[in-house]
Amino acid sequence: MPQERKLNLDVKGLESKLREYSVILKLTRRPTREEFLRISKIAGAVILIIGLIGFLIYVFLTVLPESI
């Protein structure tokens, strides 16, 4: 019996979370073309910066110690 009660509580919790998510989705709107392009450019720049930092760390830890 305790297992059935726990399962029932999990379903109720899931239902309440789904209701919260549906309210949030109803409040959202589709971004304009300008907003989408701006977000895409910023995300692309951040990805490139993080990639560059990772590459520099790789170079410092592998290539430079071998040349010294």
PDB file of N, CA and C in Angstrom:
ATOM      1  N   MET A   1       0.796  -1.207   0.000  1.00  0.00           N
ATOM      2  CA  MET A   1       0.000   0.000   0.000  1.00  0.00           C
ATOM      3  C   MET A   1       0.842   1.277   0.000  1.00  0.00           C
ATOM      4  N   PRO A   2       1.912   1.364   0.798  1.00  0.00           N
ATOM      5  CA  PRO A   2       2.690   2.602   0.789  1.00  0.00           C
ATOM      6  C   PRO A   2       3.248   2.922  -0.595  1.00  0.00           C
ATOM      7  N   GLN A   3       3.540   1.883  -1.369  1.00  0.00           N
ATOM      8  CA  GLN A   3       4.080   2.123  -2.694  1.00  0.00           C
ATOM      9  C   GLN A   3       3.028   2.764  -3.603  1.00  0.00           C
ATOM     10  N   GLU A   4       1.780   2.328  -3.495  1.00  0.00           N
ATOM     11  CA  GLU A   4       0.707   2.920  -4.296  1.00  0.00           C
ATOM     12  C   GLU A   4       0.489   4.383  -3.927  1.00  0.00           C
ATOM     13  N   ARG A   5       0.571   4.700  -2.652  1.00  0.00           N
ATOM     14  CA  ARG A   5       0.380   6.073  -2.195  1.00  0.00           C
ATOM     15  C   ARG A   5       1.488   6.967  -2.750  1.00  0.00           C
ATOM     16  N   LYS A   6       2.722   6.468  -2.736  1.00  0.00           N
ATOM     17  CA  LYS A   6       3.842   7.257  -3.247  1.00  0.00           C
ATOM     18  C   LYS A   6       3.670   7.511  -4.740  1.00  0.00           C
ATOM     19  N   LEU A   7       3.244   6.495  -5.475  1.00  0.00           N
ATOM     20  CA  LEU A   7       3.030   6.649  -6.909  1.00  0.00           C
ATOM     21  C   LEU A   7       1.952   7.690  -7.176  1.00  0.00           C
ATOM     22  N   ASN A   8       0.891   7.693  -6.394  1.00  0.00           N
ATOM     23  CA  ASN A   8      -0.198   8.649  -6.557  1.00  0.00           C
ATOM     24  C   ASN A   8       0.305  10.072  -6.290  1.00  0.00           C
ATOM     25  N   LEU A   9       1.140  10.248  -5.271  1.00  0.00           N
ATOM     26  CA  LEU A   9       1.679  11.571  -4.969  1.00  0.00           C
ATOM     27  C   LEU A   9       2.589  12.049  -6.087  1.00  0.00           C
ATOM     28  N   ASP A  10       3.378  11.156  -6.669  1.00  0.00           N
ATOM     29  CA  ASP A  10       4.262  11.545  -7.759  1.00  0.00           C
ATOM     30  C   ASP A  10       3.472  11.996  -8.976  1.00  0.00           C
ATOM     31  N   VAL A  11       2.362  11.337  -9.262  1.00  0.00           N
ATOM     32  CA  VAL A  11       1.524  11.729 -10.398  1.00  0.00           C
ATOM     33  C   VAL A  11       0.917  13.106 -10.142  1.00  0.00           C
ATOM     34  N   LYS A  12       0.466  13.360  -8.915  1.00  0.00           N
ATOM     35  CA  LYS A  12      -0.099  14.683  -8.604  1.00  0.00           C
ATOM     36  C   LYS A  12       0.967  15.770  -8.710  1.00  0.00           C
ATOM     37  N   GLY A  13       2.167  15.469  -8.236  1.00  0.00           N
ATOM     38  CA  GLY A  13       3.253  16.439  -8.353  1.00  0.00           C
ATOM     39  C   GLY A  13       3.596  16.717  -9.800  1.00  0.00           C
ATOM     40  N   LEU A  14       3.590  15.669 -10.615  1.00  0.00           N
ATOM     41  CA  LEU A  14       3.869  15.827 -12.037  1.00  0.00           C
ATOM     42  C   LEU A  14       2.792  16.670 -12.715  1.00  0.00           C
ATOM     43  N   GLU A  15       1.544  16.421 -12.358  1.00  0.00           N
ATOM     44  CA  GLU A  15       0.449  17.205 -12.939  1.00  0.00           C
ATOM     45  C   GLU A  15       0.568  18.678 -12.590  1.00  0.00           C
ATOM     46  N   SER A  16       0.939  18.971 -11.337  1.00  0.00           N
ATOM     47  CA  SER A  16       1.064  20.379 -10.947  1.00  0.00           C
ATOM     48  C   SER A  16       2.218  21.046 -11.669  1.00  0.00           C
ATOM     49  N   LYS A  17       3.331  20.315 -11.851  1.00  0.00           N
ATOM     50  CA  LYS A  17       4.466  20.879 -12.599  1.00  0.00           C
ATOM     51  C   LYS A  17       4.079  21.143 -14.046  1.00  0.00           C
ATOM     52  N   LEU A  18       3.350  20.217 -14.656  1.00  0.00           N
ATOM     53  CA  LEU A  18       2.919  20.414 -16.041  1.00  0.00           C
ATOM     54  C   LEU A  18       2.002  21.625 -16.165  1.00  0.00           C
ATOM     55  N   ARG A  19       1.144  21.853 -15.167  1.00  0.00           N
ATOM     56  CA  ARG A  19       0.284  23.046 -15.190  1.00  0.00           C
ATOM     57  C   ARG A  19       1.134  24.323 -15.122  1.00  0.00           C
ATOM     58  N   GLU A  20       2.153  24.311 -14.252  1.00  0.00           N
ATOM     59  CA  GLU A  20       3.037  25.479 -14.151  1.00  0.00           C
ATOM     60  C   GLU A  20       3.740  25.742 -15.474  1.00  0.00           C
ATOM     61  N   TYR A  21       4.240  24.685 -16.095  1.00  0.00           N
ATOM     62  CA  TYR A  21       4.935  24.844 -17.372  1.00  0.00           C
ATOM     63  C   TYR A  21       3.996  25.337 -18.460  1.00  0.00           C
ATOM     64  N   SER A  22       2.755  24.863 -18.459  1.00  0.00           N
ATOM     65  CA  SER A  22       1.813  25.304 -19.486  1.00  0.00           C
ATOM     66  C   SER A  22       1.489  26.792 -19.312  1.00  0.00           C
ATOM     67  N   VAL A  23       1.413  27.265 -18.079  1.00  0.00           N
ATOM     68  CA  VAL A  23       1.173  28.699 -17.845  1.00  0.00           C
ATOM     69  C   VAL A  23       2.329  29.513 -18.397  1.00  0.00           C
ATOM     70  N   ILE A  24       3.549  29.058 -18.154  1.00  0.00           N
ATOM     71  CA  ILE A  24       4.728  29.768 -18.661  1.00  0.00           C
ATOM     72  C   ILE A  24       4.724  29.779 -20.181  1.00  0.00           C
ATOM     73  N   LEU A  25       4.414  28.639 -20.795  1.00  0.00           N
ATOM     74  CA  LEU A  25       4.393  28.577 -22.258  1.00  0.00           C
ATOM     75  C   LEU A  25       3.316  29.480 -22.849  1.00  0.00           C
ATOM     76  N   LYS A  26       2.195  29.646 -22.164  1.00  0.00           N
ATOM     77  CA  LYS A  26       1.147  30.525 -22.660  1.00  0.00           C
ATOM     78  C   LYS A  26       1.582  31.990 -22.622  1.00  0.00           C
ATOM     79  N   LEU A  27       2.499  32.333 -21.728  1.00  0.00           N
ATOM     80  CA  LEU A  27       2.975  33.711 -21.618  1.00  0.00           C
ATOM     81  C   LEU A  27       4.058  34.046 -22.638  1.00  0.00           C
ATOM     82  N   THR A  28       4.665  33.032 -23.232  1.00  0.00           N
ATOM     83  CA  THR A  28       5.761  33.287 -24.163  1.00  0.00           C
ATOM     84  C   THR A  28       5.233  33.758 -25.506  1.00  0.00           C
ATOM     85  N   ARG A  29       6.136  34.343 -26.282  1.00  0.00           N
ATOM     86  CA  ARG A  29       5.782  34.770 -27.630  1.00  0.00           C
ATOM     87  C   ARG A  29       6.952  34.465 -28.554  1.00  0.00           C
ATOM     88  N   ARG A  30       6.687  34.455 -29.818  1.00  0.00           N
ATOM     89  CA  ARG A  30       7.724  34.193 -30.799  1.00  0.00           C
ATOM     90  C   ARG A  30       8.593  35.448 -30.937  1.00  0.00           C
ATOM     91  N   PRO A  31       9.936  35.271 -30.929  1.00  0.00           N
ATOM     92  CA  PRO A  31      10.795  36.456 -31.048  1.00  0.00           C
ATOM     93  C   PRO A  31      10.717  37.042 -32.459  1.00  0.00           C
ATOM     94  N   THR A  32      10.946  38.344 -32.544  1.00  0.00           N
ATOM     95  CA  THR A  32      11.002  38.973 -33.860  1.00  0.00           C
ATOM     96  C   THR A  32      12.294  38.545 -34.543  1.00  0.00           C
ATOM     97  N   ARG A  33      12.382  38.817 -35.826  1.00  0.00           N
ATOM     98  CA  ARG A  33      13.583  38.436 -36.584  1.00  0.00           C
ATOM     99  C   ARG A  33      14.821  39.126 -36.015  1.00  0.00           C
ATOM    100  N   GLU A  34      14.697  40.377 -35.640  1.00  0.00           N
ATOM    101  CA  GLU A  34      15.835  41.117 -35.098  1.00  0.00           C
ATOM    102  C   GLU A  34      16.292  40.519 -33.764  1.00  0.00           C
ATOM    103  N   GLU A  35      15.328  40.177 -32.906  1.00  0.00           N
ATOM    104  CA  GLU A  35      15.679  39.562 -31.622  1.00  0.00           C
ATOM    105  C   GLU A  35      16.389  38.224 -31.838  1.00  0.00           C
ATOM    106  N   PHE A  36      15.869  37.420 -32.754  1.00  0.00           N
ATOM    107  CA  PHE A  36      16.460  36.120 -33.026  1.00  0.00           C
ATOM    108  C   PHE A  36      17.889  36.272 -33.553  1.00  0.00           C
ATOM    109  N   LEU A  37      18.092  37.194 -34.493  1.00  0.00           N
ATOM    110  CA  LEU A  37      19.435  37.393 -35.046  1.00  0.00           C
ATOM    111  C   LEU A  37      20.407  37.893 -33.976  1.00  0.00           C
ATOM    112  N   ARG A  38      19.959  38.797 -33.117  1.00  0.00           N
ATOM    113  CA  ARG A  38      20.822  39.312 -32.062  1.00  0.00           C
ATOM    114  C   ARG A  38      21.225  38.189 -31.091  1.00  0.00           C
ATOM    115  N   ILE A  39      20.260  37.379 -30.686  1.00  0.00           N
ATOM    116  CA  ILE A  39      20.543  36.267 -29.773  1.00  0.00           C
ATOM    117  C   ILE A  39      21.473  35.263 -30.431  1.00  0.00           C
ATOM    118  N   SER A  40      21.263  34.988 -31.721  1.00  0.00           N
ATOM    119  CA  SER A  40      22.115  34.040 -32.439  1.00  0.00           C
ATOM    120  C   SER A  40      23.555  34.536 -32.531  1.00  0.00           C
ATOM    121  N   LYS A  41      23.712  35.822 -32.811  1.00  0.00           N
ATOM    122  CA  LYS A  41      25.062  36.389 -32.907  1.00  0.00           C
ATOM    123  C   LYS A  41      25.778  36.328 -31.556  1.00  0.00           C
ATOM    124  N   ILE A  42      25.076  36.667 -30.498  1.00  0.00           N
ATOM    125  CA  ILE A  42      25.682  36.634 -29.168  1.00  0.00           C
ATOM    126  C   ILE A  42      26.054  35.207 -28.785  1.00  0.00           C
ATOM    127  N   ALA A  43      25.156  34.261 -29.037  1.00  0.00           N
ATOM    128  CA  ALA A  43      25.444  32.862 -28.707  1.00  0.00           C
ATOM    129  C   ALA A  43      26.623  32.353 -29.521  1.00  0.00           C
ATOM    130  N   GLY A  44      26.691  32.692 -30.800  1.00  0.00           N
ATOM    131  CA  GLY A  44      27.822  32.283 -31.639  1.00  0.00           C
ATOM    132  C   GLY A  44      29.132  32.865 -31.147  1.00  0.00           C
ATOM    133  N   ALA A  45      29.118  34.139 -30.758  1.00  0.00           N
ATOM    134  CA  ALA A  45      30.332  34.773 -30.255  1.00  0.00           C
ATOM    135  C   ALA A  45      30.796  34.111 -28.959  1.00  0.00           C
ATOM    136  N   VAL A  46      29.870  33.791 -28.083  1.00  0.00           N
ATOM    137  CA  VAL A  46      30.231  33.134 -26.823  1.00  0.00           C
ATOM    138  C   VAL A  46      30.815  31.756 -27.091  1.00  0.00           C
ATOM    139  N   ILE A  47      30.236  31.011 -28.018  1.00  0.00           N
ATOM    140  CA  ILE A  47      30.764  29.690 -28.364  1.00  0.00           C
ATOM    141  C   ILE A  47      32.187  29.809 -28.905  1.00  0.00           C
ATOM    142  N   LEU A  48      32.415  30.780 -29.767  1.00  0.00           N
ATOM    143  CA  LEU A  48      33.766  30.979 -30.306  1.00  0.00           C
ATOM    144  C   LEU A  48      34.764  31.367 -29.216  1.00  0.00           C
ATOM    145  N   ILE A  49      34.371  32.236 -28.313  1.00  0.00           N
ATOM    146  CA  ILE A  49      35.257  32.652 -27.229  1.00  0.00           C
ATOM    147  C   ILE A  49      35.611  31.471 -26.331  1.00  0.00           C
ATOM    148  N   ILE A  50      34.614  30.668 -25.970  1.00  0.00           N
ATOM    149  CA  ILE A  50      34.876  29.508 -25.121  1.00  0.00           C
ATOM    150  C   ILE A  50      35.772  28.507 -25.849  1.00  0.00           C
ATOM    151  N   GLY A  51      35.541  28.313 -27.151  1.00  0.00           N
ATOM    152  CA  GLY A  51      36.405  27.434 -27.944  1.00  0.00           C
ATOM    153  C   GLY A  51      37.828  27.941 -27.998  1.00  0.00           C
ATOM    154  N   LEU A  52      38.000  29.238 -28.156  1.00  0.00           N
ATOM    155  CA  LEU A  52      39.335  29.827 -28.193  1.00  0.00           C
ATOM    156  C   LEU A  52      40.045  29.661 -26.851  1.00  0.00           C
ATOM    157  N   ILE A  53      39.341  29.884 -25.771  1.00  0.00           N
ATOM    158  CA  ILE A  53      39.925  29.693 -24.440  1.00  0.00           C
ATOM    159  C   ILE A  53      40.335  28.234 -24.250  1.00  0.00           C
ATOM    160  N   GLY A  54      39.495  27.305 -24.664  1.00  0.00           N
ATOM    161  CA  GLY A  54      39.830  25.888 -24.557  1.00  0.00           C
ATOM    162  C   GLY A  54      41.037  25.528 -25.396  1.00  0.00           C
ATOM    163  N   PHE A  55      41.120  26.082 -26.602  1.00  0.00           N
ATOM    164  CA  PHE A  55      42.280  25.821 -27.458  1.00  0.00           C
ATOM    165  C   PHE A  55      43.558  26.383 -26.850  1.00  0.00           C
ATOM    166  N   LEU A  56      43.484  27.585 -26.297  1.00  0.00           N
ATOM    167  CA  LEU A  56      44.672  28.176 -25.675  1.00  0.00           C
ATOM    168  C   LEU A  56      45.129  27.355 -24.470  1.00  0.00           C
ATOM    169  N   ILE A  57      44.210  26.871 -23.681  1.00  0.00           N
ATOM    170  CA  ILE A  57      44.569  26.012 -22.550  1.00  0.00           C
ATOM    171  C   ILE A  57      45.230  24.737 -23.057  1.00  0.00           C
ATOM    172  N   TYR A  58      44.677  24.161 -24.129  1.00  0.00           N
ATOM    173  CA  TYR A  58      45.275  22.960 -24.720  1.00  0.00           C
ATOM    174  C   TYR A  58      46.700  23.233 -25.177  1.00  0.00           C
ATOM    175  N   VAL A  59      46.909  24.350 -25.859  1.00  0.00           N
ATOM    176  CA  VAL A  59      48.252  24.687 -26.352  1.00  0.00           C
ATOM    177  C   VAL A  59      49.216  24.892 -25.187  1.00  0.00           C
ATOM    178  N   PHE A  60      48.784  25.630 -24.172  1.00  0.00           N
ATOM    179  CA  PHE A  60      49.655  25.874 -23.034  1.00  0.00           C
ATOM    180  C   PHE A  60      50.018  24.597 -22.298  1.00  0.00           C
ATOM    181  N   LEU A  61      49.123  23.643 -22.230  1.00  0.00           N
ATOM    182  CA  LEU A  61      49.371  22.424 -21.457  1.00  0.00           C
ATOM    183  C   LEU A  61      50.040  21.311 -22.254  1.00  0.00           C
ATOM    184  N   THR A  62      50.012  21.371 -23.596  1.00  0.00           N
ATOM    185  CA  THR A  62      50.590  20.285 -24.382  1.00  0.00           C
ATOM    186  C   THR A  62      51.773  20.739 -25.236  1.00  0.00           C
ATOM    187  N   VAL A  63      51.622  21.752 -26.025  1.00  0.00           N
ATOM    188  CA  VAL A  63      52.656  22.147 -26.974  1.00  0.00           C
ATOM    189  C   VAL A  63      53.786  22.894 -26.293  1.00  0.00           C
ATOM    190  N   LEU A  64      53.478  23.840 -25.447  1.00  0.00           N
ATOM    191  CA  LEU A  64      54.524  24.659 -24.825  1.00  0.00           C
ATOM    192  C   LEU A  64      55.451  23.852 -23.907  1.00  0.00           C
ATOM    193  N   PRO A  65      54.987  22.949 -23.080  1.00  0.00           N
ATOM    194  CA  PRO A  65      55.915  22.178 -22.242  1.00  0.00           C
ATOM    195  C   PRO A  65      56.884  21.316 -23.050  1.00  0.00           C
ATOM    196  N   GLU A  66      56.464  20.841 -24.224  1.00  0.00           N
ATOM    197  CA  GLU A  66      57.344  20.032 -25.065  1.00  0.00           C
ATOM    198  C   GLU A  66      58.453  20.879 -25.676  1.00  0.00           C
ATOM    199  N   SER A  67      58.209  22.152 -25.938  1.00  0.00           N
ATOM    200  CA  SER A  67      59.204  23.000 -26.582  1.00  0.00           C
ATOM    201  C   SER A  67      60.202  23.570 -25.577  1.00  0.00           C
ATOM    202  N   ILE A  68      59.913  23.479 -24.292  1.00  0.00           N
ATOM    203  CA  ILE A  68      60.833  24.034 -23.289  1.00  0.00           C
ATOM    204  C   ILE A  68      61.886  23.040 -22.916  1.00  0.00           C
TER     205      ILE A  68
END
